[in-house]
Amino acid sequence: MITNYVVTGMTCGHCVNHVTEEVSAIPGVTEVKVEQAGPMTVSSDTAIDFGTIEEAVAEAGDYKVALA
C-alpha cells in the first residue's frame, strides 16, 4: 500500500532525515521517501492509521503532516 502525504516545516536535510527515521520506525512501514519541499510517500504492508503517521512526524520535530 502506498500513501502520499505533505509535511510542512522542514527546512534542511536534517529535517528530512529525522522525519524519515521516525516514520520508518512504524511497524508495517516498508519504505519512506521524503523531500524537503514537503512530499512524503509511505509504502507499507497494511494501512497505517493517519494518527500514527502524525505522531511520528511530530516526534521528529516541529513539523505538520496532511494527506496529499
C-alpha atoms as a PDB file:
ATOM      1  CA  MET A   1       0.000   0.000   0.000  1.00  0.00           C
ATOM      2  CA  ILE A   2       1.331   3.454  -0.935  1.00  0.00           C
ATOM      3  CA  THR A   3       0.075   6.642   0.716  1.00  0.00           C
ATOM      4  CA  ASN A   4       1.096  10.212  -0.119  1.00  0.00           C
ATOM      5  CA  TYR A   5       1.405  12.984   2.444  1.00  0.00           C
ATOM      6  CA  VAL A   6       2.661  16.563   2.635  1.00  0.00           C
ATOM      7  CA  VAL A   7       4.968  17.525   5.508  1.00  0.00           C
ATOM      8  CA  THR A   8       5.399  21.209   6.338  1.00  0.00           C
ATOM      9  CA  GLY A   9       8.060  22.886   8.445  1.00  0.00           C
ATOM     10  CA  MET A  10      11.135  21.107   7.086  1.00  0.00           C
ATOM     11  CA  THR A  11      13.990  23.491   6.285  1.00  0.00           C
ATOM     12  CA  CYS A  12      17.017  21.269   5.681  1.00  0.00           C
ATOM     13  CA  GLY A  13      18.322  17.780   5.029  1.00  0.00           C
ATOM     14  CA  HIS A  14      18.469  17.038   8.744  1.00  0.00           C
ATOM     15  CA  CYS A  15      14.712  17.640   8.943  1.00  0.00           C
ATOM     16  CA  VAL A  16      14.176  15.149   6.126  1.00  0.00           C
ATOM     17  CA  ASN A  17      16.386  12.599   7.913  1.00  0.00           C
ATOM     18  CA  HIS A  18      14.527  12.997  11.221  1.00  0.00           C
ATOM     19  CA  VAL A  19      11.119  12.545   9.591  1.00  0.00           C
ATOM     20  CA  THR A  20      12.366   9.582   7.548  1.00  0.00           C
ATOM     21  CA  GLU A  21      13.783   7.864  10.652  1.00  0.00           C
ATOM     22  CA  GLU A  22      10.641   8.316  12.761  1.00  0.00           C
ATOM     23  CA  VAL A  23       8.187   7.226  10.061  1.00  0.00           C
ATOM     24  CA  SER A  24      10.408   4.290   9.034  1.00  0.00           C
ATOM     25  CA  ALA A  25      10.230   3.000  12.618  1.00  0.00           C
ATOM     26  CA  ILE A  26       6.446   2.482  12.414  1.00  0.00           C
ATOM     27  CA  PRO A  27       5.645  -1.253  12.308  1.00  0.00           C
ATOM     28  CA  GLY A  28       4.492  -2.280   8.832  1.00  0.00           C
ATOM     29  CA  VAL A  29       6.231   0.578   7.006  1.00  0.00           C
ATOM     30  CA  THR A  30       8.489  -0.809   4.285  1.00  0.00           C
ATOM     31  CA  GLU A  31       9.761   2.390   2.614  1.00  0.00           C
ATOM     32  CA  VAL A  32       9.637   6.138   3.196  1.00  0.00           C
ATOM     33  CA  LYS A  33      10.556   8.824   0.664  1.00  0.00           C
ATOM     34  CA  VAL A  34      10.628  12.405   1.953  1.00  0.00           C
ATOM     35  CA  GLU A  35      11.512  15.577   0.052  1.00  0.00           C
ATOM     36  CA  GLN A  36      12.450  18.833   1.773  1.00  0.00           C
ATOM     37  CA  ALA A  37       9.771  20.642  -0.263  1.00  0.00           C
ATOM     38  CA  GLY A  38       7.155  18.572   1.564  1.00  0.00           C
ATOM     39  CA  PRO A  39       6.052  15.480  -0.363  1.00  0.00           C
ATOM     40  CA  MET A  40       6.309  12.201   1.576  1.00  0.00           C
ATOM     41  CA  THR A  41       5.440   8.774   0.205  1.00  0.00           C
ATOM     42  CA  VAL A  42       4.981   5.897   2.638  1.00  0.00           C
ATOM     43  CA  SER A  43       4.887   2.281   1.479  1.00  0.00           C
ATOM     44  CA  SER A  44       3.536  -0.270   3.921  1.00  0.00           C
ATOM     45  CA  ASP A  45       2.361  -3.861   4.214  1.00  0.00           C
ATOM     46  CA  THR A  46      -1.002  -2.710   5.580  1.00  0.00           C
ATOM     47  CA  ALA A  47      -2.885   0.553   6.012  1.00  0.00           C
ATOM     48  CA  ILE A  48      -1.226   2.811   8.595  1.00  0.00           C
ATOM     49  CA  ASP A  49      -3.538   4.943  10.732  1.00  0.00           C
ATOM     50  CA  PHE A  50      -3.094   8.669   9.991  1.00  0.00           C
ATOM     51  CA  GLY A  51      -2.754   9.376  13.718  1.00  0.00           C
ATOM     52  CA  THR A  52       0.262   7.068  13.847  1.00  0.00           C
ATOM     53  CA  ILE A  53       1.907   8.953  10.966  1.00  0.00           C
ATOM     54  CA  GLU A  54       1.037  12.264  12.624  1.00  0.00           C
ATOM     55  CA  GLU A  55       2.624  11.177  15.926  1.00  0.00           C
ATOM     56  CA  ALA A  56       5.816  10.005  14.203  1.00  0.00           C
ATOM     57  CA  VAL A  57       6.179  13.275  12.275  1.00  0.00           C
ATOM     58  CA  ALA A  58       5.584  15.293  15.466  1.00  0.00           C
ATOM     59  CA  GLU A  59       8.185  13.184  17.285  1.00  0.00           C
ATOM     60  CA  ALA A  60      10.701  14.097  14.557  1.00  0.00           C
ATOM     61  CA  GLY A  61      10.338  17.825  15.252  1.00  0.00           C
ATOM     62  CA  ASP A  62       8.065  20.815  14.818  1.00  0.00           C
ATOM     63  CA  TYR A  63       6.500  19.537  11.598  1.00  0.00           C
ATOM     64  CA  LYS A  64       2.919  19.073  10.426  1.00  0.00           C
ATOM     65  CA  VAL A  65       1.594  16.389   8.104  1.00  0.00           C
ATOM     66  CA  ALA A  66      -1.511  16.139   5.932  1.00  0.00           C
ATOM     67  CA  LEU A  67      -2.775  13.672   3.358  1.00  0.00           C
ATOM     68  CA  ALA A  68      -1.785  14.744  -0.143  1.00  0.00           C
END
